[in-house]
Protein backbone atom coordinates (compact mmCIF):
# COMPACT_ATOMS: atom_id res chain seq x y z
CA MET A 1 146.88 136.50 92.98
CA ARG A 2 146.00 140.14 94.01
CA ARG A 3 147.54 139.63 96.92
CA LEU A 4 150.24 137.68 95.28
CA ARG A 5 150.50 140.32 92.74
CA GLN A 6 151.00 143.13 95.31
CA LEU A 7 154.08 141.33 96.58
CA THR A 8 155.53 140.96 93.64
CA LEU A 9 154.64 145.31 92.75
CA LEU A 10 156.75 145.29 96.26
CA ALA A 11 159.69 143.57 95.87
CA ALA A 12 159.82 145.59 91.99
CA ALA A 13 158.96 148.79 93.81
CA ALA A 14 161.91 147.69 96.76
CA LEU A 15 164.73 146.57 94.21
CA LEU A 16 163.86 150.16 91.73
CA ALA A 17 164.28 151.46 95.34
CA ALA A 18 167.62 150.28 96.05
CA SER A 19 169.29 150.64 92.27
CA VAL A 20 168.34 154.90 92.70
CA LEU A 21 169.96 154.64 96.11
CA VAL A 22 172.85 152.71 94.71
CA ALA A 23 173.18 154.95 92.17
CA ALA A 24 173.08 157.94 94.31
CA LEU A 25 175.64 156.89 96.12
CA ALA A 26 177.61 156.03 93.90
CA GLY A 27 177.56 159.44 91.69
CA CYS A 28 178.63 161.03 95.11
CA GLY A 29 181.58 160.17 95.98
CA SER A 30 183.56 161.71 98.73
CA GLY A 31 181.47 164.80 98.04
CA GLY A 32 184.55 166.93 96.72
CA ASN A 33 184.97 167.09 92.92
CA SER A 34 185.77 164.14 91.06
CA GLY A 35 186.90 163.65 87.07
CA SER A 36 183.58 162.38 86.42
CA GLN A 37 181.97 165.15 87.39
CA ALA A 38 181.29 168.69 85.47
CA ALA A 39 182.71 171.75 87.36
CA GLY A 40 179.62 174.06 89.10
CA GLN A 41 177.43 170.91 89.65
CA LYS A 42 176.29 170.55 92.83
CA VAL A 43 177.18 166.78 94.60
CA ALA A 44 173.63 165.05 95.84
CA ARG A 45 174.00 164.23 100.23
CA MET A 46 172.35 162.00 101.87
CA PRO A 47 169.94 163.26 103.77
CA ALA A 48 171.30 163.00 108.02
CA GLY A 49 169.23 159.76 109.89
CA PRO A 50 167.98 156.22 109.36
CA LEU A 51 166.59 155.77 105.77
CA PRO A 52 163.43 152.98 105.90
CA ASP A 53 163.86 150.48 103.73
CA THR A 54 161.37 151.21 100.91
CA GLN A 55 159.70 154.12 99.78
CA LEU A 56 156.05 154.17 98.05
CA ARG A 57 153.66 156.53 97.31
CA GLY A 58 149.80 154.56 96.33
CA VAL A 59 149.65 151.79 98.82
CA GLU A 60 146.35 150.07 98.36
CA PHE A 61 146.47 146.48 100.64
CA THR A 62 143.28 144.41 101.04
CA GLU A 63 143.35 141.39 103.27
CA VAL A 64 141.25 138.55 102.56
CA LYS A 65 140.73 135.63 104.96
CA ASP A 66 139.11 131.75 104.90
CA GLY A 67 137.39 133.63 101.17
CA GLU A 68 136.52 137.36 102.56
CA ARG A 69 137.80 139.99 102.88
CA GLN A 70 138.77 141.57 105.97
CA TRP A 71 139.76 144.87 104.91
CA ASP A 72 141.43 147.37 102.29
CA LEU A 73 144.42 149.67 103.38
CA ARG A 74 145.34 152.97 101.13
CA ALA A 75 148.22 155.31 101.83
CA ALA A 76 149.28 157.95 100.34
CA ARG A 77 152.83 157.04 101.08
CA MET A 78 154.89 154.45 102.98
CA GLU A 79 157.87 154.11 104.36
CA TYR A 80 158.66 150.39 104.95
CA ASP A 81 161.37 149.62 108.53
CA ARG A 82 161.79 145.92 107.79
CA ALA A 83 164.19 145.33 110.64
CA THR A 84 160.60 147.05 112.99
CA GLY A 85 158.43 145.77 110.08
CA LEU A 86 156.30 148.86 110.14
CA GLY A 87 155.21 150.90 107.34
CA HIS A 88 154.19 154.49 108.74
CA LEU A 89 151.79 155.43 106.42
CA THR A 90 149.91 159.72 105.87
CA GLN A 91 147.33 160.18 104.47
CA VAL A 92 145.66 156.65 105.46
CA ASP A 93 142.14 155.12 104.22
CA VAL A 94 140.98 151.90 105.80
CA THR A 95 137.81 150.06 104.40
CA PHE A 96 136.92 147.47 107.43
CA TYR A 97 134.34 144.83 106.32
CA LEU A 98 131.39 143.42 108.86
CA SER A 99 130.08 139.72 107.75
CA GLU A 100 127.69 140.71 105.18
CA GLY A 101 130.26 142.76 103.44
CA GLU A 102 128.81 146.35 104.74
CA PRO A 103 131.97 148.90 104.90
CA VAL A 104 132.95 150.64 107.79
CA ARG A 105 135.92 153.30 106.34
CA VAL A 106 137.96 155.01 108.97
CA LEU A 107 140.93 158.31 107.15
CA SER A 108 143.60 160.08 108.80
CA GLU A 109 146.47 162.31 108.58
CA ARG A 110 149.10 158.92 109.51
CA GLY A 111 149.58 155.71 110.65
CA THR A 112 151.29 152.22 111.04
CA PHE A 113 150.69 149.11 109.61
CA GLU A 114 151.99 146.40 111.05
CA ALA A 115 153.36 144.29 107.95
CA LYS A 116 153.60 140.37 110.34
CA ALA A 117 150.65 140.65 112.95
CA LYS A 118 148.46 142.87 110.42
CA GLU A 119 147.97 145.57 113.25
CA ILE A 120 146.79 148.75 112.04
CA ASP A 121 147.07 151.93 113.65
CA MET A 122 145.18 155.49 112.75
CA ILE A 123 147.07 158.34 114.25
CA GLY A 124 146.16 162.22 113.87
CA ASN A 125 142.38 163.59 112.92
CA VAL A 126 140.64 160.07 112.85
CA ARG A 127 137.06 159.88 110.94
CA GLY A 128 134.49 156.79 110.16
CA HIS A 129 132.09 156.12 109.00
CA ALA A 130 129.37 153.15 109.10
CA ASP A 131 125.69 153.94 107.86
CA PRO A 132 124.14 156.18 110.12
CA TYR A 133 126.93 156.93 112.23
CA GLU A 134 130.00 159.24 112.37
CA LEU A 135 133.29 158.51 114.44
CA PHE A 136 135.44 161.00 115.75
CA SER A 137 138.83 160.83 117.81
CA ASP A 138 142.94 161.66 117.68
CA THR A 139 143.83 157.67 117.36
CA LEU A 140 142.05 153.79 116.65
CA HIS A 141 143.78 150.69 117.09
CA TYR A 142 142.57 147.18 114.27
CA ASP A 143 143.53 143.96 116.46
CA PRO A 144 143.01 141.65 113.35
CA LYS A 145 143.12 138.55 116.09
CA GLN A 146 139.28 139.74 117.74
CA ARG A 147 138.14 141.80 114.36
CA VAL A 148 138.02 144.92 117.27
CA LEU A 149 138.59 148.48 116.61
CA THR A 150 139.64 150.01 119.80
CA THR A 151 139.98 153.94 120.23
CA PRO A 152 142.37 154.25 124.05
CA GLY A 153 141.09 157.93 124.62
CA PRO A 154 138.99 160.06 123.98
CA ALA A 155 135.95 159.56 120.62
CA ARG A 156 132.53 160.74 119.76
CA LEU A 157 130.03 158.82 117.84
CA GLU A 158 127.44 160.69 115.83
CA SER A 159 123.86 159.81 114.42
CA PRO A 160 121.32 162.02 113.16
CA GLY A 161 119.48 162.89 116.54
CA MET A 162 122.47 161.12 118.96
CA SER A 163 125.57 161.96 119.74
CA MET A 164 128.18 159.21 122.03
CA ALA A 165 131.21 160.13 123.76
CA GLY A 166 133.82 158.45 126.14
CA THR A 167 137.43 157.27 126.55
CA GLY A 168 137.84 154.42 125.57
CA LEU A 169 135.29 153.06 122.68
CA ARG A 170 135.47 149.21 121.45
CA TYR A 171 133.38 147.97 118.54
CA ASP A 172 133.71 144.39 117.83
CA LEU A 173 133.07 143.92 113.99
CA GLN A 174 132.36 140.64 114.34
CA THR A 175 128.84 140.72 116.59
CA ARG A 176 128.99 144.75 116.28
CA GLN A 177 128.83 145.29 119.78
CA LEU A 178 129.49 148.74 120.62
CA SER A 179 131.27 149.19 124.38
CA ILE A 180 133.12 152.75 126.11
CA LYS A 181 134.82 152.06 128.89
CA GLU A 182 135.05 155.47 130.60
CA ASP A 183 133.13 158.40 131.25
CA ALA A 184 130.21 157.51 129.05
CA ARG A 185 127.45 160.24 127.86
CA THR A 186 125.08 160.53 125.33
CA ILE A 187 122.21 163.03 124.15
CA SER A 188 119.83 162.58 122.37
CA ASP A 189 116.96 164.01 119.73
CA GLN A 190 114.50 161.47 120.26
CA ARG A 191 111.11 160.92 122.48
CA LEU A 192 112.40 157.83 125.04
CA PHE A 193 108.80 157.18 126.29
């Protein structure tokens, strides 16, 4: 029901954005001073370059599969391009849920959401949190088919008394297994024996 409501709101926002765009274009005319414009009135100009199909603020999406919540995505803004199926996001906040419902929250400056495949990419100052761990990276990718989070580049994982770093971090949300592909380093304050 919530998904239907979100889709209805998205459709309504798209219609509103299209209406505003049509009204703006109709008011622009050829750019000259038409009879419907007051003398000295400034004419709105469309920005150069391609425009997104839809622009939304305060976006929230929830993915539910087999009755279990998979993730919640929030973004301050989304520009959706229907031709590519990509939503370009700013100020991204995604909470992924483990099998018992425990949250793994990840924040980034921007990102993309591929609507059909439900893939999420987070870019710029990526920060993750799942008690007691903190993740730091430049990028993070979510693969919904495998329910896996990956950082193709360098990443650092910290917890009280321990720090791990490397390139190509992979975290499986189903099995909770963590691996680092290359250059794995661990620093620990704990005594091993």
